[in-house]
Amino acid sequence: MLAAFSDRNPWHVCFAVGLCWGRLAKFEPEFVGAAINLLENWNAADLKFARTFHYERGPEPIEQSLAGGNKMFDSVVLPEQLPDDLEKYRRVQERWLGRILGKDRPKYIGSWNATAMFMVALFSNKVLADKLVTPIVMLPPGGPIYNGLSILHQTHVLSTKPAGSELDDQAFEPGAIYENNALFVEILRGKSDWNLLDVHSGLYMLGTRLAESDGWF
């Protein structure tokens, strides 16, 4: 998608794709285009169109997530291009997360929507992704990831149960992002050819509730 929308703000592209990854919207270029427009300039026409790409939770999470994202991008200045090393990503994410710690956190900008665009950005750069073996950049801990961690705790693979909640529209616990990313590191331990995105992908597969996931392999 970054290549398809190379003339647009790459952070907006990654945020929009992150919504699709979280199953808030269907992963279609038309949705991503409308979402990017809304993150840049809120308008009724693109909103009406973007809302049509909803799944079983309906269009409201799409609207609320994009409205929250629009407010976030208005108040947080990010570099024009995606960073070229993990330390720069860490600093950018620290600035971004600092905005959601206040009492005026936009609705639906919870643990998933606050971090998913960084995950998408790292997936676009394999060299950096392979270097992500410590939680220098936080990955989304909610949704199927939360479920996957819960399964590993219930089966005594992990000694600590995941923090927080599954959905971004529930109460936000900032500490859950850091606590659950620490659990990713626990899973990674001893696996020299893995990185944290590999762990994250495995947890997504383990924790998803989608029936069609049976045919993903």
Foldseek 3Di string as FASTA:
>chain_A
DCVVPVVAQLLLLLLQVLCVVLQQFPPDPLLSVLLSVCLVPNDDVSLVVNQVGGDPVHSPLVVQLSVLSSVLPVVADDDRDDDDALLNLLVSLVSSVVVQVDPPRRALCAQRSSQRSVLSVVVVPVVRQQVALAVSGFHRCAALNLQLQQVCCVVVVDVDHQDDYHGSNDDHDVVSRVRSSVVLNVVCPPPNRDHSSNSSVVSSLRRDPDPCSVVVD
